[in-house]
Amino acid sequence: MPIPTNLSMSHSVSTKLHTSKLLLDILQQHQEEKIALKDILRGMGDRAFGPALLICAIPEVLPIPVVGVSAIIGIPLMLVSGQLFLGFKRVWLPQWIGNFSFERKFLEKAILKILHYLKKLERIIKPRWQFMSFPIVNRLLGLLLLVLGVVIALPNPLLSLSEN
């Protein structure tokens, strides 16, 4: 699939661009056969926290009837939300995770599919509540998400899926 070139633009501050343009720029800047996760996160800049948190949280909604899976799923959520709480400017991942790479064809196909929905959302959703982007609010949100990540990771016998 060809990458639309008319939407790309160079950027120094990711907060002024739509996420769809950031994703297209990542594809255009990395022409190699494989693209590492750290390159994707670096390309998204300070916008990487939202998608990283979403990716960490998605497995939690899947009905996995295995005891202890929540603890494993909660750890990445705590890692990313803890960084938001501590005021990190960019998402940091351990090197072994950051070096994980995707085939360019797979990533291009996935991004182009995501763009279809993302552009519709971007037309509807406009920046509101500018105070929500203040550093103190980001830290409070990070704290809330960190606490929720801990709650997810803790064993809770009332939520187990055992057959009694």
N, C-alpha and C. Protein backbone atom coordinates (compact mmCIF):
# COMPACT_ATOMS: atom_id res chain seq x y z
N MET A 1 0.84 -1.18 0.00
CA MET A 1 0.00 0.00 0.00
C MET A 1 0.89 1.24 0.00
N PRO A 2 0.60 2.20 -0.85
CA PRO A 2 1.41 3.42 -0.85
C PRO A 2 1.07 4.29 0.36
N ILE A 3 2.09 4.95 0.88
CA ILE A 3 1.90 5.84 2.02
C ILE A 3 1.53 7.21 1.48
N PRO A 4 0.43 7.80 1.95
CA PRO A 4 0.07 9.14 1.49
C PRO A 4 1.15 10.14 1.87
N THR A 5 1.71 10.85 0.89
CA THR A 5 2.79 11.78 1.17
C THR A 5 2.29 13.19 1.44
N ASN A 6 1.10 13.50 1.05
CA ASN A 6 0.60 14.86 1.22
C ASN A 6 0.27 15.20 2.67
N LEU A 7 0.25 14.19 3.55
CA LEU A 7 -0.08 14.45 4.94
C LEU A 7 1.16 14.60 5.81
N SER A 8 2.31 14.29 5.25
CA SER A 8 3.53 14.32 6.06
C SER A 8 4.10 15.72 6.15
N MET A 9 4.72 15.98 7.27
CA MET A 9 5.41 17.24 7.46
C MET A 9 6.46 17.04 8.53
N SER A 10 7.56 17.76 8.43
CA SER A 10 8.57 17.62 9.47
C SER A 10 8.04 18.29 10.73
N HIS A 11 8.49 17.79 11.86
CA HIS A 11 7.98 18.34 13.10
C HIS A 11 9.07 18.36 14.16
N SER A 12 9.03 19.38 14.97
CA SER A 12 9.93 19.46 16.10
C SER A 12 9.15 19.36 17.40
N VAL A 13 7.91 19.78 17.38
CA VAL A 13 7.07 19.70 18.56
C VAL A 13 5.85 18.87 18.20
N SER A 14 5.76 17.66 18.81
CA SER A 14 4.70 16.73 18.44
C SER A 14 3.33 17.18 18.90
N THR A 15 3.26 18.11 19.84
CA THR A 15 1.96 18.51 20.36
C THR A 15 1.18 19.34 19.36
N LYS A 16 1.81 19.83 18.29
CA LYS A 16 1.11 20.64 17.31
C LYS A 16 0.59 19.82 16.14
N LEU A 17 0.93 18.55 16.10
CA LEU A 17 0.52 17.69 15.00
C LEU A 17 -0.54 16.69 15.45
N HIS A 18 -1.36 16.29 14.49
CA HIS A 18 -2.29 15.21 14.76
C HIS A 18 -1.50 13.91 14.87
N THR A 19 -2.00 12.99 15.65
CA THR A 19 -1.34 11.70 15.81
C THR A 19 -1.25 10.97 14.48
N SER A 20 -2.24 11.13 13.62
CA SER A 20 -2.20 10.48 12.31
C SER A 20 -0.99 10.95 11.50
N LYS A 21 -0.65 12.21 11.57
CA LYS A 21 0.52 12.73 10.85
C LYS A 21 1.81 12.23 11.47
N LEU A 22 1.84 12.09 12.79
CA LEU A 22 3.02 11.55 13.44
C LEU A 22 3.28 10.11 12.99
N LEU A 23 2.22 9.31 12.90
CA LEU A 23 2.37 7.93 12.47
C LEU A 23 2.86 7.84 11.03
N LEU A 24 2.33 8.68 10.16
CA LEU A 24 2.79 8.70 8.77
C LEU A 24 4.24 9.13 8.68
N ASP A 25 4.62 10.10 9.47
CA ASP A 25 6.02 10.55 9.49
C ASP A 25 6.95 9.43 9.92
N ILE A 26 6.53 8.64 10.89
CA ILE A 26 7.36 7.51 11.34
C ILE A 26 7.60 6.55 10.19
N LEU A 27 6.56 6.24 9.44
CA LEU A 27 6.72 5.34 8.29
C LEU A 27 7.64 5.93 7.23
N GLN A 28 7.53 7.22 6.99
CA GLN A 28 8.36 7.84 5.96
C GLN A 28 9.81 8.01 6.39
N GLN A 29 10.05 8.20 7.68
CA GLN A 29 11.41 8.39 8.16
C GLN A 29 12.17 7.08 8.29
N HIS A 30 11.47 5.98 8.43
CA HIS A 30 12.12 4.67 8.61
C HIS A 30 11.77 3.78 7.42
N GLN A 31 12.68 3.72 6.48
CA GLN A 31 12.46 2.96 5.26
C GLN A 31 13.01 1.53 5.32
N GLU A 32 13.69 1.19 6.43
CA GLU A 32 14.27 -0.15 6.54
C GLU A 32 13.18 -1.22 6.66
N GLU A 33 13.60 -2.48 6.51
CA GLU A 33 12.66 -3.61 6.52
C GLU A 33 12.00 -3.83 7.87
N LYS A 34 12.71 -3.49 8.94
CA LYS A 34 12.15 -3.64 10.29
C LYS A 34 12.23 -2.31 11.01
N ILE A 35 11.21 -2.03 11.82
CA ILE A 35 11.16 -0.78 12.59
C ILE A 35 11.03 -1.16 14.06
N ALA A 36 11.97 -0.67 14.87
CA ALA A 36 12.00 -1.00 16.30
C ALA A 36 10.94 -0.20 17.05
N LEU A 37 10.45 -0.79 18.13
CA LEU A 37 9.46 -0.14 18.98
C LEU A 37 9.99 1.19 19.52
N LYS A 38 11.27 1.23 19.87
CA LYS A 38 11.86 2.48 20.39
C LYS A 38 11.82 3.59 19.34
N ASP A 39 11.94 3.25 18.06
CA ASP A 39 11.87 4.26 17.00
C ASP A 39 10.45 4.80 16.84
N ILE A 40 9.48 3.93 17.03
CA ILE A 40 8.08 4.37 16.96
C ILE A 40 7.78 5.33 18.11
N LEU A 41 8.19 4.94 19.31
CA LEU A 41 7.95 5.79 20.49
C LEU A 41 8.71 7.11 20.38
N ARG A 42 9.94 7.06 19.87
CA ARG A 42 10.72 8.29 19.71
C ARG A 42 10.04 9.21 18.70
N GLY A 43 9.50 8.64 17.64
CA GLY A 43 8.81 9.44 16.63
C GLY A 43 7.54 10.09 17.14
N MET A 44 6.90 9.46 18.10
CA MET A 44 5.67 10.03 18.66
C MET A 44 5.96 11.05 19.75
N GLY A 45 7.19 11.04 20.28
CA GLY A 45 7.58 12.03 21.28
C GLY A 45 6.73 11.95 22.53
N ASP A 46 6.27 13.12 23.00
CA ASP A 46 5.47 13.15 24.23
C ASP A 46 4.06 12.62 24.02
N ARG A 47 3.70 12.35 22.78
CA ARG A 47 2.38 11.78 22.49
C ARG A 47 2.35 10.27 22.66
N ALA A 48 3.48 9.65 22.98
CA ALA A 48 3.55 8.19 23.05
C ALA A 48 2.90 7.64 24.32
N PHE A 49 2.68 8.46 25.34
CA PHE A 49 2.11 7.95 26.59
C PHE A 49 0.70 7.38 26.38
N GLY A 50 -0.14 8.07 25.66
CA GLY A 50 -1.51 7.60 25.45
C GLY A 50 -1.56 6.25 24.76
N PRO A 51 -0.94 6.12 23.57
CA PRO A 51 -0.95 4.80 22.92
C PRO A 51 -0.27 3.71 23.73
N ALA A 52 0.82 4.05 24.43
CA ALA A 52 1.52 3.05 25.25
C ALA A 52 0.61 2.56 26.37
N LEU A 53 -0.09 3.47 27.03
CA LEU A 53 -1.02 3.08 28.09
C LEU A 53 -2.17 2.25 27.53
N LEU A 54 -2.67 2.63 26.37
CA LEU A 54 -3.76 1.88 25.74
C LEU A 54 -3.31 0.45 25.42
N ILE A 55 -2.13 0.32 24.84
CA ILE A 55 -1.61 -1.01 24.50
C ILE A 55 -1.40 -1.85 25.76
N CYS A 56 -0.95 -1.21 26.84
CA CYS A 56 -0.75 -1.94 28.10
C CYS A 56 -2.07 -2.36 28.73
N ALA A 57 -3.12 -1.59 28.51
CA ALA A 57 -4.41 -1.86 29.16
C ALA A 57 -5.31 -2.81 28.36
N ILE A 58 -5.14 -2.86 27.07
CA ILE A 58 -6.02 -3.70 26.23
C ILE A 58 -6.05 -5.16 26.69
N PRO A 59 -4.91 -5.78 27.00
CA PRO A 59 -4.99 -7.19 27.42
C PRO A 59 -5.82 -7.40 28.68
N GLU A 60 -5.98 -6.39 29.49
CA GLU A 60 -6.75 -6.53 30.73
C GLU A 60 -8.24 -6.75 30.46
N VAL A 61 -8.74 -6.31 29.33
CA VAL A 61 -10.16 -6.48 29.04
C VAL A 61 -10.45 -7.82 28.36
N LEU A 62 -9.40 -8.54 27.99
CA LEU A 62 -9.60 -9.85 27.37
C LEU A 62 -9.94 -10.88 28.44
N PRO A 63 -10.90 -11.73 28.17
CA PRO A 63 -11.29 -12.74 29.17
C PRO A 63 -10.30 -13.90 29.21
N ILE A 64 -9.20 -13.72 29.94
CA ILE A 64 -8.18 -14.76 30.05
C ILE A 64 -8.37 -15.45 31.40
N PRO A 65 -8.89 -16.68 31.40
CA PRO A 65 -9.22 -17.36 32.66
C PRO A 65 -8.02 -18.07 33.29
N VAL A 66 -6.88 -17.40 33.37
CA VAL A 66 -5.69 -17.99 33.97
C VAL A 66 -5.32 -17.16 35.20
N VAL A 67 -5.14 -17.83 36.32
CA VAL A 67 -4.80 -17.15 37.57
C VAL A 67 -3.41 -16.53 37.43
N GLY A 68 -3.28 -15.28 37.85
CA GLY A 68 -1.99 -14.61 37.83
C GLY A 68 -1.69 -13.78 36.61
N VAL A 69 -2.53 -13.87 35.59
CA VAL A 69 -2.29 -13.11 34.36
C VAL A 69 -2.41 -11.61 34.62
N SER A 70 -3.31 -11.22 35.49
CA SER A 70 -3.47 -9.79 35.80
C SER A 70 -2.20 -9.18 36.35
N ALA A 71 -1.47 -9.95 37.16
CA ALA A 71 -0.22 -9.44 37.72
C ALA A 71 0.79 -9.17 36.61
N ILE A 72 0.86 -10.05 35.65
CA ILE A 72 1.80 -9.88 34.54
C ILE A 72 1.37 -8.72 33.66
N ILE A 73 0.08 -8.59 33.41
CA ILE A 73 -0.43 -7.51 32.57
C ILE A 73 -0.31 -6.16 33.28
N GLY A 74 -0.46 -6.14 34.59
CA GLY A 74 -0.40 -4.89 35.34
C GLY A 74 0.98 -4.26 35.39
N ILE A 75 2.04 -5.05 35.25
CA ILE A 75 3.40 -4.53 35.36
C ILE A 75 3.72 -3.50 34.28
N PRO A 76 3.47 -3.77 32.99
CA PRO A 76 3.75 -2.73 31.98
C PRO A 76 2.90 -1.48 32.19
N LEU A 77 1.67 -1.67 32.63
CA LEU A 77 0.80 -0.52 32.90
C LEU A 77 1.38 0.34 34.02
N MET A 78 1.90 -0.31 35.06
CA MET A 78 2.53 0.42 36.16
C MET A 78 3.81 1.11 35.69
N LEU A 79 4.58 0.46 34.83
CA LEU A 79 5.83 1.04 34.32
C LEU A 79 5.57 2.35 33.56
N VAL A 80 4.63 2.33 32.64
CA VAL A 80 4.35 3.51 31.83
C VAL A 80 3.66 4.60 32.65
N SER A 81 2.68 4.22 33.46
CA SER A 81 1.97 5.24 34.26
C SER A 81 2.89 5.83 35.32
N GLY A 82 3.82 5.04 35.85
CA GLY A 82 4.79 5.55 36.80
C GLY A 82 5.68 6.62 36.17
N GLN A 83 6.02 6.45 34.91
CA GLN A 83 6.82 7.45 34.20
C GLN A 83 6.03 8.74 34.00
N LEU A 84 4.76 8.60 33.72
CA LEU A 84 3.91 9.78 33.57
C LEU A 84 3.83 10.52 34.92
N PHE A 85 3.68 9.76 35.99
CA PHE A 85 3.63 10.34 37.33
C PHE A 85 4.93 11.05 37.70
N LEU A 86 6.06 10.47 37.33
CA LEU A 86 7.37 11.04 37.66
C LEU A 86 7.77 12.20 36.75
N GLY A 87 6.96 12.48 35.72
CA GLY A 87 7.22 13.62 34.86
C GLY A 87 8.16 13.36 33.70
N PHE A 88 8.32 12.09 33.30
CA PHE A 88 9.16 11.79 32.15
C PHE A 88 8.59 12.52 30.93
N LYS A 89 9.47 12.97 30.05
CA LYS A 89 9.03 13.65 28.82
C LYS A 89 8.69 12.66 27.72
N ARG A 90 9.30 11.49 27.78
CA ARG A 90 9.07 10.44 26.77
C ARG A 90 8.96 9.10 27.47
N VAL A 91 8.29 8.16 26.81
CA VAL A 91 8.15 6.82 27.36
C VAL A 91 9.51 6.12 27.29
N TRP A 92 9.93 5.54 28.41
CA TRP A 92 11.15 4.75 28.45
C TRP A 92 10.76 3.29 28.63
N LEU A 93 11.39 2.43 27.84
CA LEU A 93 11.19 1.00 27.97
C LEU A 93 12.54 0.32 28.15
N PRO A 94 12.59 -0.80 28.83
CA PRO A 94 13.86 -1.55 28.90
C PRO A 94 14.35 -1.85 27.48
N GLN A 95 15.66 -1.94 27.33
CA GLN A 95 16.25 -2.11 26.00
C GLN A 95 15.71 -3.34 25.28
N TRP A 96 15.49 -4.43 26.01
CA TRP A 96 15.04 -5.65 25.35
C TRP A 96 13.62 -5.51 24.79
N ILE A 97 12.83 -4.62 25.36
CA ILE A 97 11.49 -4.35 24.82
C ILE A 97 11.59 -3.31 23.71
N GLY A 98 12.37 -2.26 23.93
CA GLY A 98 12.52 -1.20 22.94
C GLY A 98 13.12 -1.69 21.64
N ASN A 99 13.96 -2.72 21.70
CA ASN A 99 14.59 -3.25 20.49
C ASN A 99 13.68 -4.21 19.72
N PHE A 100 12.53 -4.55 20.31
CA PHE A 100 11.58 -5.41 19.59
C PHE A 100 11.18 -4.69 18.31
N SER A 101 11.26 -5.39 17.20
CA SER A 101 10.97 -4.72 15.93
C SER A 101 9.82 -5.39 15.20
N PHE A 102 9.19 -4.58 14.36
CA PHE A 102 8.07 -5.03 13.54
C PHE A 102 8.50 -5.03 12.08
N GLU A 103 7.99 -5.98 11.33
CA GLU A 103 8.21 -5.96 9.89
C GLU A 103 7.56 -4.71 9.33
N ARG A 104 8.24 -4.02 8.45
CA ARG A 104 7.73 -2.77 7.90
C ARG A 104 6.38 -2.97 7.22
N LYS A 105 6.22 -4.07 6.46
CA LYS A 105 4.95 -4.31 5.76
C LYS A 105 3.80 -4.47 6.76
N PHE A 106 4.05 -5.20 7.84
CA PHE A 106 3.02 -5.39 8.86
C PHE A 106 2.66 -4.06 9.51
N LEU A 107 3.70 -3.29 9.90
CA LEU A 107 3.48 -2.02 10.57
C LEU A 107 2.76 -1.03 9.65
N GLU A 108 3.16 -1.00 8.40
CA GLU A 108 2.52 -0.10 7.45
C GLU A 108 1.05 -0.45 7.27
N LYS A 109 0.77 -1.72 7.15
CA LYS A 109 -0.63 -2.17 7.00
C LYS A 109 -1.45 -1.82 8.24
N ALA A 110 -0.86 -2.05 9.43
CA ALA A 110 -1.57 -1.75 10.69
C ALA A 110 -1.81 -0.25 10.84
N ILE A 111 -0.79 0.56 10.55
CA ILE A 111 -0.94 2.01 10.69
C ILE A 111 -1.96 2.56 9.70
N LEU A 112 -1.93 2.08 8.47
CA LEU A 112 -2.90 2.56 7.49
C LEU A 112 -4.33 2.17 7.87
N LYS A 113 -4.48 1.00 8.49
CA LYS A 113 -5.81 0.59 8.96
C LYS A 113 -6.25 1.46 10.14
N ILE A 114 -5.33 1.73 11.06
CA ILE A 114 -5.63 2.58 12.21
C ILE A 114 -5.97 3.99 11.76
N LEU A 115 -5.25 4.49 10.74
CA LEU A 115 -5.47 5.85 10.26
C LEU A 115 -6.90 6.08 9.79
N HIS A 116 -7.50 5.06 9.23
CA HIS A 116 -8.88 5.18 8.76
C HIS A 116 -9.80 5.64 9.90
N TYR A 117 -9.66 5.02 11.06
CA TYR A 117 -10.48 5.37 12.21
C TYR A 117 -9.96 6.61 12.94
N LEU A 118 -8.65 6.73 13.00
CA LEU A 118 -8.03 7.83 13.72
C LEU A 118 -8.38 9.18 13.08
N LYS A 119 -8.39 9.24 11.77
CA LYS A 119 -8.73 10.51 11.10
C LYS A 119 -10.17 10.90 11.37
N LYS A 120 -11.06 9.93 11.43
CA LYS A 120 -12.46 10.24 11.77
C LYS A 120 -12.55 10.80 13.19
N LEU A 121 -11.82 10.18 14.11
CA LEU A 121 -11.81 10.68 15.48
C LEU A 121 -11.21 12.08 15.57
N GLU A 122 -10.15 12.33 14.83
CA GLU A 122 -9.49 13.63 14.87
C GLU A 122 -10.38 14.74 14.32
N ARG A 123 -11.29 14.39 13.41
CA ARG A 123 -12.24 15.40 12.91
C ARG A 123 -13.27 15.75 13.97
N ILE A 124 -13.64 14.78 14.78
CA ILE A 124 -14.65 15.00 15.81
C ILE A 124 -14.03 15.62 17.07
N ILE A 125 -12.90 15.08 17.48
CA ILE A 125 -12.27 15.49 18.74
C ILE A 125 -11.35 16.67 18.48
N LYS A 126 -11.59 17.75 19.14
CA LYS A 126 -10.77 18.95 19.05
C LYS A 126 -10.16 19.21 20.42
N PRO A 127 -9.03 19.90 20.47
CA PRO A 127 -8.44 20.20 21.79
C PRO A 127 -9.40 21.01 22.65
N ARG A 128 -9.65 20.50 23.83
CA ARG A 128 -10.49 21.17 24.81
C ARG A 128 -9.78 21.08 26.15
N TRP A 129 -10.24 21.85 27.08
CA TRP A 129 -9.73 21.76 28.43
C TRP A 129 -8.20 21.80 28.43
N GLN A 130 -7.63 22.89 27.96
CA GLN A 130 -6.19 23.02 27.86
C GLN A 130 -5.48 22.80 29.20
N PHE A 131 -6.17 23.09 30.31
CA PHE A 131 -5.56 22.88 31.62
C PHE A 131 -5.23 21.41 31.86
N MET A 132 -5.89 20.49 31.14
CA MET A 132 -5.63 19.06 31.32
C MET A 132 -4.26 18.65 30.81
N SER A 133 -3.59 19.53 30.07
CA SER A 133 -2.26 19.18 29.57
C SER A 133 -1.15 19.80 30.42
N PHE A 134 -1.50 20.45 31.53
CA PHE A 134 -0.48 21.00 32.42
C PHE A 134 0.30 19.85 33.06
N PRO A 135 1.58 20.06 33.34
CA PRO A 135 2.40 18.98 33.94
C PRO A 135 1.83 18.43 35.24
N ILE A 136 1.26 19.25 36.09
CA ILE A 136 0.72 18.75 37.36
C ILE A 136 -0.47 17.83 37.12
N VAL A 137 -1.28 18.15 36.13
CA VAL A 137 -2.43 17.29 35.81
C VAL A 137 -1.95 15.96 35.24
N ASN A 138 -0.90 16.00 34.39
CA ASN A 138 -0.34 14.75 33.86
C ASN A 138 0.20 13.89 34.99
N ARG A 139 0.83 14.51 35.97
CA ARG A 139 1.37 13.75 37.10
C ARG A 139 0.24 13.14 37.94
N LEU A 140 -0.83 13.89 38.16
CA LEU A 140 -1.97 13.35 38.91
C LEU A 140 -2.62 12.19 38.15
N LEU A 141 -2.74 12.34 36.85
CA LEU A 141 -3.28 11.26 36.03
C LEU A 141 -2.36 10.04 36.09
N GLY A 142 -1.06 10.29 36.03
CA GLY A 142 -0.10 9.19 36.15
C GLY A 142 -0.22 8.48 37.48
N LEU A 143 -0.43 9.24 38.56
CA LEU A 143 -0.61 8.64 39.89
C LEU A 143 -1.87 7.78 39.92
N LEU A 144 -2.97 8.31 39.39
CA LEU A 144 -4.21 7.55 39.35
C LEU A 144 -4.03 6.24 38.57
N LEU A 145 -3.39 6.33 37.40
CA LEU A 145 -3.19 5.13 36.59
C LEU A 145 -2.22 4.15 37.25
N LEU A 146 -1.24 4.68 37.97
CA LEU A 146 -0.31 3.82 38.71
C LEU A 146 -1.05 3.05 39.79
N VAL A 147 -1.91 3.74 40.53
CA VAL A 147 -2.71 3.06 41.58
C VAL A 147 -3.61 2.01 40.94
N LEU A 148 -4.23 2.34 39.83
CA LEU A 148 -5.09 1.36 39.16
C LEU A 148 -4.28 0.16 38.66
N GLY A 149 -3.06 0.42 38.17
CA GLY A 149 -2.19 -0.67 37.75
C GLY A 149 -1.83 -1.60 38.90
N VAL A 150 -1.59 -1.02 40.07
CA VAL A 150 -1.30 -1.83 41.26
C VAL A 150 -2.53 -2.65 41.63
N VAL A 151 -3.69 -2.06 41.59
CA VAL A 151 -4.94 -2.78 41.91
C VAL A 151 -5.14 -3.94 40.93
N ILE A 152 -4.85 -3.70 39.66
CA ILE A 152 -4.99 -4.77 38.66
C ILE A 152 -4.02 -5.91 38.96
N ALA A 153 -2.80 -5.56 39.35
CA ALA A 153 -1.78 -6.57 39.58
C ALA A 153 -1.97 -7.37 40.87
N LEU A 154 -2.66 -6.80 41.84
CA LEU A 154 -2.87 -7.50 43.11
C LEU A 154 -3.82 -8.67 42.93
N PRO A 155 -3.55 -9.78 43.62
CA PRO A 155 -4.50 -10.90 43.54
C PRO A 155 -5.78 -10.54 44.27
N ASN A 156 -6.89 -10.81 43.64
CA ASN A 156 -8.19 -10.51 44.23
C ASN A 156 -9.06 -11.76 44.13
N PRO A 157 -9.27 -12.45 45.23
CA PRO A 157 -10.05 -13.70 45.18
C PRO A 157 -11.50 -13.50 44.75
N LEU A 158 -12.03 -12.30 44.93
CA LEU A 158 -13.43 -12.08 44.54
C LEU A 158 -13.59 -11.96 43.04
N LEU A 159 -12.49 -11.72 42.33
CA LEU A 159 -12.56 -11.57 40.88
C LEU A 159 -12.05 -12.79 40.12
N SER A 160 -11.70 -13.84 40.82
CA SER A 160 -11.15 -15.01 40.14
C SER A 160 -12.24 -15.70 39.34
N LEU A 161 -11.83 -16.39 38.30
CA LEU A 161 -12.77 -17.06 37.41
C LEU A 161 -12.83 -18.55 37.67
N SER A 162 -12.55 -18.98 38.90
CA SER A 162 -12.55 -20.41 39.20
C SER A 162 -13.98 -20.94 39.23
N GLU A 163 -14.09 -22.23 38.94
CA GLU A 163 -15.40 -22.87 38.94
C GLU A 163 -15.62 -23.55 40.29
N ASN A 164 -16.42 -22.98 41.14
CA ASN A 164 -16.74 -23.56 42.45
C ASN A 164 -18.18 -23.95 42.50
